[in-house]
Amino acid sequence: MSSPAVAIAGLGVVRGGRPVLDSLSLTIAAGSITGLLGPSGCGKTTLMRCVVGVQVTAGGTVTVLGLPAGSPPLRRRVGYVTQAPSVYADLTVRENLRYFARVLGAPAQRVDEVAATVGLEGQVDALVAALSGGQQARVSLATALLGSPELLVLDEPTVGLDPVLRIELWDAFRQLADAGTTLLVSSHVMDEAERCDDLVLMRDGEVLAAESRQALIARTGAADVEQAFLQLVTGRQAA
């Protein structure tokens, strides 16, 4: 078996004197889409920040692509898309992509390639401020793809989008995974689990389950992931 893209052991994060993540251990398989699912405030964003190496931790280890999270060599190997679009609204799509390509040292031809990947080839000369929220989210995704990352970390990329745009983005994620990219995608929408290869279900800073969707359904006997999540929560509270 190949080495995992991400290996986390005993991870702890404390904020305001309160543990946000407590002795969390987890592995993310390479070349797959792993869905990080759970209600808002359960620790998904904190965990993702740990993976990209921008979160202060209180203990444990996070190994990404064989290196400690945040190591300088990972800067071009890991792409990170935050919940809010991280691009310049007063520049066009093309200008944003050219700027970030220079920052990353990516070849100029990547600008047109990533615009096509996210379905923005027809809007490359439009100001980002004039785009819809879904289109702006795709510009952020395009900038993260410029360096051809091996691992792509996406923090609730489909939040607030209409169903058509959500489907288009998930189709793009699948194409990336099929080409060998590892994706870690957070969401609080349980039906997006159907698009993932593996699932990590979180609540209150703890991992309730980390396995394939099929294995989770088989183990719990639930009809779908949402019901499985509720069963796990109920069992945890009863215990």
C-alpha atoms as a PDB file:
ATOM      1  CA  MET A   1       0.000   0.000   0.000  1.00  0.00           C
ATOM      2  CA  SER A   2       1.176   3.525  -0.716  1.00  0.00           C
ATOM      3  CA  SER A   3       1.972   5.924   2.116  1.00  0.00           C
ATOM      4  CA  PRO A   4      -0.885   8.174   3.221  1.00  0.00           C
ATOM      5  CA  ALA A   5      -0.913  11.766   1.974  1.00  0.00           C
ATOM      6  CA  VAL A   6      -1.557  12.966   5.537  1.00  0.00           C
ATOM      7  CA  ALA A   7      -0.788  11.221   8.830  1.00  0.00           C
ATOM      8  CA  ILE A   8      -1.918  12.825  12.095  1.00  0.00           C
ATOM      9  CA  ALA A   9      -1.073  11.441  15.533  1.00  0.00           C
ATOM     10  CA  GLY A  10      -2.149  12.755  18.921  1.00  0.00           C
ATOM     11  CA  LEU A  11      -2.965  16.220  17.588  1.00  0.00           C
ATOM     12  CA  GLY A  12      -4.081  18.786  20.128  1.00  0.00           C
ATOM     13  CA  VAL A  13      -5.184  22.402  19.662  1.00  0.00           C
ATOM     14  CA  VAL A  14      -6.209  24.704  22.496  1.00  0.00           C
ATOM     15  CA  ARG A  15      -7.983  28.017  21.991  1.00  0.00           C
ATOM     16  CA  GLY A  16      -9.021  30.337  24.811  1.00  0.00           C
ATOM     17  CA  GLY A  17      -8.055  27.687  27.354  1.00  0.00           C
ATOM     18  CA  ARG A  18     -10.443  25.206  25.769  1.00  0.00           C
ATOM     19  CA  PRO A  19      -9.382  22.150  23.736  1.00  0.00           C
ATOM     20  CA  VAL A  20     -10.567  22.464  20.121  1.00  0.00           C
ATOM     21  CA  LEU A  21      -8.907  19.228  19.011  1.00  0.00           C
ATOM     22  CA  ASP A  22      -7.977  16.649  21.640  1.00  0.00           C
ATOM     23  CA  SER A  23      -5.484  13.842  20.869  1.00  0.00           C
ATOM     24  CA  LEU A  24      -6.821  13.456  17.332  1.00  0.00           C
ATOM     25  CA  SER A  25      -5.299  10.766  15.111  1.00  0.00           C
ATOM     26  CA  LEU A  26      -6.133  10.289  11.446  1.00  0.00           C
ATOM     27  CA  THR A  27      -4.755   9.302   8.029  1.00  0.00           C
ATOM     28  CA  ILE A  28      -5.782  10.612   4.615  1.00  0.00           C
ATOM     29  CA  ALA A  29      -5.286   8.229   1.696  1.00  0.00           C
ATOM     30  CA  ALA A  30      -3.310   9.467  -1.284  1.00  0.00           C
ATOM     31  CA  GLY A  31      -5.069   9.991  -4.613  1.00  0.00           C
ATOM     32  CA  SER A  32      -8.577  10.123  -3.142  1.00  0.00           C
ATOM     33  CA  ILE A  33     -11.304  12.583  -2.188  1.00  0.00           C
ATOM     34  CA  THR A  34     -11.739  12.577   1.575  1.00  0.00           C
ATOM     35  CA  GLY A  35     -14.787  14.398   2.883  1.00  0.00           C
ATOM     36  CA  LEU A  36     -14.388  16.103   6.259  1.00  0.00           C
ATOM     37  CA  LEU A  37     -17.966  16.334   7.494  1.00  0.00           C
ATOM     38  CA  GLY A  38     -19.612  17.703  10.589  1.00  0.00           C
ATOM     39  CA  PRO A  39     -21.606  20.645  11.955  1.00  0.00           C
ATOM     40  CA  SER A  40     -20.217  24.171  11.989  1.00  0.00           C
ATOM     41  CA  GLY A  41     -17.858  24.690  14.923  1.00  0.00           C
ATOM     42  CA  CYS A  42     -16.834  21.040  15.242  1.00  0.00           C
ATOM     43  CA  GLY A  43     -13.166  21.706  14.415  1.00  0.00           C
ATOM     44  CA  LYS A  44     -13.017  21.096  10.660  1.00  0.00           C
ATOM     45  CA  THR A  45     -11.331  24.391   9.778  1.00  0.00           C
ATOM     46  CA  THR A  46      -8.882  24.062  12.677  1.00  0.00           C
ATOM     47  CA  LEU A  47      -7.920  20.588  11.494  1.00  0.00           C
ATOM     48  CA  MET A  48      -7.386  21.842   7.945  1.00  0.00           C
ATOM     49  CA  ARG A  49      -5.225  24.703   9.211  1.00  0.00           C
ATOM     50  CA  CYS A  50      -3.104  22.101  10.991  1.00  0.00           C
ATOM     51  CA  VAL A  51      -2.708  20.151   7.760  1.00  0.00           C
ATOM     52  CA  VAL A  52      -1.462  23.200   5.839  1.00  0.00           C
ATOM     53  CA  GLY A  53       0.791  24.207   8.738  1.00  0.00           C
ATOM     54  CA  VAL A  54      -0.699  27.553   9.760  1.00  0.00           C
ATOM     55  CA  GLN A  55      -2.245  26.530  13.085  1.00  0.00           C
ATOM     56  CA  VAL A  56      -0.466  26.653  16.449  1.00  0.00           C
ATOM     57  CA  THR A  57      -0.788  23.219  18.035  1.00  0.00           C
ATOM     58  CA  ALA A  58      -0.544  22.002  21.624  1.00  0.00           C
ATOM     59  CA  GLY A  59       0.894  18.598  20.833  1.00  0.00           C
ATOM     60  CA  GLY A  60       1.014  15.717  18.418  1.00  0.00           C
ATOM     61  CA  THR A  61       2.370  15.459  14.881  1.00  0.00           C
ATOM     62  CA  VAL A  62       1.022  16.216  11.414  1.00  0.00           C
ATOM     63  CA  THR A  63       2.935  14.694   8.506  1.00  0.00           C
ATOM     64  CA  VAL A  64       2.026  15.835   4.995  1.00  0.00           C
ATOM     65  CA  LEU A  65       3.456  14.111   1.920  1.00  0.00           C
ATOM     66  CA  GLY A  66       6.186  12.677   4.132  1.00  0.00           C
ATOM     67  CA  LEU A  67       7.199  16.022   5.696  1.00  0.00           C
ATOM     68  CA  PRO A  68       6.139  17.950   8.820  1.00  0.00           C
ATOM     69  CA  ALA A  69       3.145  20.157   8.040  1.00  0.00           C
ATOM     70  CA  GLY A  70       4.181  23.675   7.082  1.00  0.00           C
ATOM     71  CA  SER A  71       7.639  22.676   5.852  1.00  0.00           C
ATOM     72  CA  PRO A  72       8.911  25.101   3.158  1.00  0.00           C
ATOM     73  CA  PRO A  73       9.137  22.367   0.471  1.00  0.00           C
ATOM     74  CA  LEU A  74       5.375  21.799   0.861  1.00  0.00           C
ATOM     75  CA  ARG A  75       4.432  25.330  -0.217  1.00  0.00           C
ATOM     76  CA  ARG A  76       4.256  24.317  -3.872  1.00  0.00           C
ATOM     77  CA  ARG A  77       2.982  20.820  -3.214  1.00  0.00           C
ATOM     78  CA  VAL A  78      -0.077  21.763  -1.144  1.00  0.00           C
ATOM     79  CA  GLY A  79      -2.947  24.002  -2.303  1.00  0.00           C
ATOM     80  CA  TYR A  80      -5.302  25.599   0.224  1.00  0.00           C
ATOM     81  CA  VAL A  81      -8.668  27.199  -0.526  1.00  0.00           C
ATOM     82  CA  THR A  82     -10.284  29.036   2.385  1.00  0.00           C
ATOM     83  CA  GLN A  83     -14.009  29.580   2.855  1.00  0.00           C
ATOM     84  CA  ALA A  84     -13.832  33.212   1.690  1.00  0.00           C
ATOM     85  CA  PRO A  85     -12.443  33.858  -1.825  1.00  0.00           C
ATOM     86  CA  SER A  86      -8.740  34.721  -1.471  1.00  0.00           C
ATOM     87  CA  VAL A  87      -8.297  36.781  -4.629  1.00  0.00           C
ATOM     88  CA  TYR A  88      -8.216  40.459  -5.590  1.00  0.00           C
ATOM     89  CA  ALA A  89     -11.675  41.779  -6.458  1.00  0.00           C
ATOM     90  CA  ASP A  90     -10.317  44.784  -8.374  1.00  0.00           C
ATOM     91  CA  LEU A  91      -8.343  42.605 -10.814  1.00  0.00           C
ATOM     92  CA  THR A  92      -9.608  40.438 -13.628  1.00  0.00           C
ATOM     93  CA  VAL A  93      -9.532  36.670 -13.412  1.00  0.00           C
ATOM     94  CA  ARG A  94      -6.556  36.580 -15.774  1.00  0.00           C
ATOM     95  CA  GLU A  95      -4.672  39.250 -13.800  1.00  0.00           C
ATOM     96  CA  ASN A  96      -5.222  37.336 -10.558  1.00  0.00           C
ATOM     97  CA  LEU A  97      -4.001  34.104 -12.093  1.00  0.00           C
ATOM     98  CA  ARG A  98      -0.959  35.733 -13.672  1.00  0.00           C
ATOM     99  CA  TYR A  99      -0.028  37.338 -10.359  1.00  0.00           C
ATOM    100  CA  PHE A 100      -0.323  34.123  -8.353  1.00  0.00           C
ATOM    101  CA  ALA A 101       1.481  32.186 -11.098  1.00  0.00           C
ATOM    102  CA  ARG A 102       4.468  34.506 -10.682  1.00  0.00           C
ATOM    103  CA  VAL A 103       4.335  34.133  -6.892  1.00  0.00           C
ATOM    104  CA  LEU A 104       4.340  30.349  -7.211  1.00  0.00           C
ATOM    105  CA  GLY A 105       6.826  30.246 -10.067  1.00  0.00           C
ATOM    106  CA  ALA A 106       4.277  28.406 -12.207  1.00  0.00           C
ATOM    107  CA  PRO A 107       4.653  28.462 -16.006  1.00  0.00           C
ATOM    108  CA  ALA A 108       2.569  31.079 -17.830  1.00  0.00           C
ATOM    109  CA  GLN A 109       0.532  28.470 -19.724  1.00  0.00           C
ATOM    110  CA  ARG A 110      -0.940  27.275 -16.432  1.00  0.00           C
ATOM    111  CA  VAL A 111      -3.169  30.373 -16.386  1.00  0.00           C
ATOM    112  CA  ASP A 112      -5.296  29.191 -19.281  1.00  0.00           C
ATOM    113  CA  GLU A 113      -5.124  25.559 -18.130  1.00  0.00           C
ATOM    114  CA  VAL A 114      -6.500  26.183 -14.642  1.00  0.00           C
ATOM    115  CA  ALA A 115      -9.149  28.598 -15.947  1.00  0.00           C
ATOM    116  CA  ALA A 116     -10.413  25.800 -18.185  1.00  0.00           C
ATOM    117  CA  THR A 117     -10.250  23.255 -15.347  1.00  0.00           C
ATOM    118  CA  VAL A 118     -12.658  25.290 -13.224  1.00  0.00           C
ATOM    119  CA  GLY A 119     -14.844  26.333 -16.175  1.00  0.00           C
ATOM    120  CA  LEU A 120     -13.887  30.013 -16.257  1.00  0.00           C
ATOM    121  CA  GLU A 121     -12.345  30.252 -19.716  1.00  0.00           C
ATOM    122  CA  GLY A 122     -15.189  32.533 -20.787  1.00  0.00           C
ATOM    123  CA  GLN A 123     -14.701  34.936 -17.845  1.00  0.00           C
ATOM    124  CA  VAL A 124     -10.915  35.379 -17.775  1.00  0.00           C
ATOM    125  CA  ASP A 125     -11.134  39.075 -18.681  1.00  0.00           C
ATOM    126  CA  ALA A 126     -13.942  39.887 -16.227  1.00  0.00           C
ATOM    127  CA  LEU A 127     -13.308  41.720 -12.964  1.00  0.00           C
ATOM    128  CA  VAL A 128     -13.575  39.366 -10.009  1.00  0.00           C
ATOM    129  CA  ALA A 129     -15.882  41.888  -8.296  1.00  0.00           C
ATOM    130  CA  ALA A 130     -18.367  41.460 -11.153  1.00  0.00           C
ATOM    131  CA  LEU A 131     -18.528  37.675 -10.805  1.00  0.00           C
ATOM    132  CA  SER A 132     -21.071  35.656  -8.863  1.00  0.00           C
ATOM    133  CA  GLY A 133     -20.129  34.074  -5.547  1.00  0.00           C
ATOM    134  CA  GLY A 134     -19.778  30.694  -7.202  1.00  0.00           C
ATOM    135  CA  GLN A 135     -17.510  32.080  -9.908  1.00  0.00           C
ATOM    136  CA  GLN A 136     -15.358  33.816  -7.311  1.00  0.00           C
ATOM    137  CA  ALA A 137     -15.023  30.507  -5.473  1.00  0.00           C
ATOM    138  CA  ARG A 138     -13.805  28.951  -8.713  1.00  0.00           C
ATOM    139  CA  VAL A 139     -11.216  31.723  -9.150  1.00  0.00           C
ATOM    140  CA  SER A 140      -9.846  30.864  -5.691  1.00  0.00           C
ATOM    141  CA  LEU A 141      -9.737  27.200  -6.665  1.00  0.00           C
ATOM    142  CA  ALA A 142      -7.933  28.078  -9.894  1.00  0.00           C
ATOM    143  CA  THR A 143      -5.222  29.982  -8.022  1.00  0.00           C
ATOM    144  CA  ALA A 144      -4.665  26.963  -5.764  1.00  0.00           C
ATOM    145  CA  LEU A 145      -4.263  24.736  -8.833  1.00  0.00           C
ATOM    146  CA  LEU A 146      -1.587  26.868 -10.494  1.00  0.00           C
ATOM    147  CA  GLY A 147       1.256  25.020  -8.821  1.00  0.00           C
ATOM    148  CA  SER A 148      -0.201  21.574  -9.703  1.00  0.00           C
ATOM    149  CA  PRO A 149      -0.478  20.617  -6.010  1.00  0.00           C
ATOM    150  CA  GLU A 150      -0.287  17.006  -4.921  1.00  0.00           C
ATOM    151  CA  LEU A 151      -2.643  17.756  -2.016  1.00  0.00           C
ATOM    152  CA  LEU A 152      -5.573  20.169  -2.269  1.00  0.00           C
ATOM    153  CA  VAL A 153      -7.236  21.298   0.975  1.00  0.00           C
ATOM    154  CA  LEU A 154     -10.677  22.872   0.438  1.00  0.00           C
ATOM    155  CA  ASP A 155     -12.543  24.462   3.337  1.00  0.00           C
ATOM    156  CA  GLU A 156     -16.301  24.308   2.615  1.00  0.00           C
ATOM    157  CA  PRO A 157     -15.820  25.313  -1.057  1.00  0.00           C
ATOM    158  CA  THR A 158     -19.490  24.862  -1.953  1.00  0.00           C
ATOM    159  CA  VAL A 159     -21.090  26.742   0.958  1.00  0.00           C
ATOM    160  CA  GLY A 160     -23.787  29.146  -0.229  1.00  0.00           C
ATOM    161  CA  LEU A 161     -23.683  27.940  -3.836  1.00  0.00           C
ATOM    162  CA  ASP A 162     -26.718  26.882  -5.836  1.00  0.00           C
ATOM    163  CA  PRO A 163     -27.089  23.159  -6.651  1.00  0.00           C
ATOM    164  CA  VAL A 164     -25.877  23.503 -10.248  1.00  0.00           C
ATOM    165  CA  LEU A 165     -22.633  25.208  -9.211  1.00  0.00           C
ATOM    166  CA  ARG A 166     -22.093  22.662  -6.456  1.00  0.00           C
ATOM    167  CA  ILE A 167     -22.337  19.835  -8.987  1.00  0.00           C
ATOM    168  CA  GLU A 168     -19.944  21.600 -11.362  1.00  0.00           C
ATOM    169  CA  LEU A 169     -17.348  22.057  -8.611  1.00  0.00           C
ATOM    170  CA  TRP A 170     -17.632  18.456  -7.450  1.00  0.00           C
ATOM    171  CA  ASP A 171     -17.200  17.295 -11.031  1.00  0.00           C
ATOM    172  CA  ALA A 172     -13.987  19.341 -11.164  1.00  0.00           C
ATOM    173  CA  PHE A 173     -12.826  17.775  -7.877  1.00  0.00           C
ATOM    174  CA  ARG A 174     -13.391  14.283  -9.292  1.00  0.00           C
ATOM    175  CA  GLN A 175     -11.388  15.096 -12.408  1.00  0.00           C
ATOM    176  CA  LEU A 176      -8.500  16.268 -10.221  1.00  0.00           C
ATOM    177  CA  ALA A 177      -8.636  13.115  -8.092  1.00  0.00           C
ATOM    178  CA  ASP A 178      -8.734  10.932 -11.188  1.00  0.00           C
ATOM    179  CA  ALA A 179      -5.549  12.699 -12.329  1.00  0.00           C
ATOM    180  CA  GLY A 180      -3.802  11.776  -9.061  1.00  0.00           C
ATOM    181  CA  THR A 181      -4.419  14.768  -6.774  1.00  0.00           C
ATOM    182  CA  THR A 182      -5.388  14.084  -3.155  1.00  0.00           C
ATOM    183  CA  LEU A 183      -8.316  16.222  -1.987  1.00  0.00           C
ATOM    184  CA  LEU A 184      -9.433  16.966   1.565  1.00  0.00           C
ATOM    185  CA  VAL A 185     -12.810  18.714   1.333  1.00  0.00           C
ATOM    186  CA  SER A 186     -14.785  19.956   4.322  1.00  0.00           C
ATOM    187  CA  SER A 187     -18.553  20.384   4.351  1.00  0.00           C
ATOM    188  CA  HIS A 188     -21.482  20.487   6.758  1.00  0.00           C
ATOM    189  CA  VAL A 189     -23.807  19.219   3.985  1.00  0.00           C
ATOM    190  CA  MET A 190     -24.091  15.482   4.481  1.00  0.00           C
ATOM    191  CA  ASP A 191     -25.322  14.700   0.961  1.00  0.00           C
ATOM    192  CA  GLU A 192     -21.921  15.757  -0.386  1.00  0.00           C
ATOM    193  CA  ALA A 193     -20.584  12.583   1.192  1.00  0.00           C
ATOM    194  CA  GLU A 194     -21.883  10.738  -1.868  1.00  0.00           C
ATOM    195  CA  ARG A 195     -19.150  12.446  -3.904  1.00  0.00           C
ATOM    196  CA  CYS A 196     -16.294  11.316  -1.641  1.00  0.00           C
ATOM    197  CA  ASP A 197     -14.171   8.184  -1.579  1.00  0.00           C
ATOM    198  CA  ASP A 198     -13.501   8.303   2.164  1.00  0.00           C
ATOM    199  CA  LEU A 199     -15.226  10.131   5.004  1.00  0.00           C
ATOM    200  CA  VAL A 200     -14.117  11.697   8.267  1.00  0.00           C
ATOM    201  CA  LEU A 201     -17.067  12.529  10.523  1.00  0.00           C
ATOM    202  CA  MET A 202     -16.366  15.047  13.290  1.00  0.00           C
ATOM    203  CA  ARG A 203     -18.217  16.435  16.270  1.00  0.00           C
ATOM    204  CA  ASP A 204     -16.928  18.609  19.123  1.00  0.00           C
ATOM    205  CA  GLY A 205     -13.319  18.276  18.003  1.00  0.00           C
ATOM    206  CA  GLU A 206     -13.347  14.487  17.881  1.00  0.00           C
ATOM    207  CA  VAL A 207     -13.380  12.026  14.991  1.00  0.00           C
ATOM    208  CA  LEU A 208     -16.457   9.803  15.161  1.00  0.00           C
ATOM    209  CA  ALA A 209     -15.593   7.785  12.054  1.00  0.00           C
ATOM    210  CA  ALA A 210     -12.884   7.653   9.406  1.00  0.00           C
ATOM    211  CA  GLU A 211     -13.600   5.145   6.657  1.00  0.00           C
ATOM    212  CA  SER A 212     -15.141   4.748   3.229  1.00  0.00           C
ATOM    213  CA  ARG A 213     -18.788   5.668   2.763  1.00  0.00           C
ATOM    214  CA  GLN A 214     -19.646   2.063   1.962  1.00  0.00           C
ATOM    215  CA  ALA A 215     -17.918   0.798   5.107  1.00  0.00           C
ATOM    216  CA  LEU A 216     -19.668   3.390   7.272  1.00  0.00           C
ATOM    217  CA  ILE A 217     -23.102   2.465   5.919  1.00  0.00           C
ATOM    218  CA  ALA A 218     -22.390  -1.245   6.312  1.00  0.00           C
ATOM    219  CA  ARG A 219     -21.088  -0.847   9.882  1.00  0.00           C
ATOM    220  CA  THR A 220     -23.983   1.279  11.121  1.00  0.00           C
ATOM    221  CA  GLY A 221     -26.747  -0.255   9.014  1.00  0.00           C
ATOM    222  CA  ALA A 222     -27.978   3.273   8.284  1.00  0.00           C
ATOM    223  CA  ALA A 223     -29.749   4.293   5.094  1.00  0.00           C
ATOM    224  CA  ASP A 224     -27.360   7.160   4.385  1.00  0.00           C
ATOM    225  CA  VAL A 225     -24.436   9.106   5.840  1.00  0.00           C
ATOM    226  CA  GLU A 226     -26.654  11.554   7.728  1.00  0.00           C
ATOM    227  CA  GLN A 227     -28.423   8.731   9.513  1.00  0.00           C
ATOM    228  CA  ALA A 228     -25.084   7.061  10.233  1.00  0.00           C
ATOM    229  CA  PHE A 229     -23.786  10.322  11.722  1.00  0.00           C
ATOM    230  CA  LEU A 230     -26.860  10.634  13.949  1.00  0.00           C
ATOM    231  CA  GLN A 231     -26.445   7.037  15.101  1.00  0.00           C
ATOM    232  CA  LEU A 232     -22.810   7.674  16.009  1.00  0.00           C
ATOM    233  CA  VAL A 233     -23.689  10.856  17.899  1.00  0.00           C
ATOM    234  CA  THR A 234     -26.524   9.135  19.771  1.00  0.00           C
ATOM    235  CA  GLY A 235     -24.306   6.196  20.690  1.00  0.00           C
ATOM    236  CA  ARG A 236     -21.571   8.534  21.912  1.00  0.00           C
ATOM    237  CA  GLN A 237     -24.022  10.477  24.091  1.00  0.00           C
ATOM    238  CA  ALA A 238     -25.463   7.261  25.542  1.00  0.00           C
ATOM    239  CA  ALA A 239     -21.992   5.991  26.360  1.00  0.00           C
END
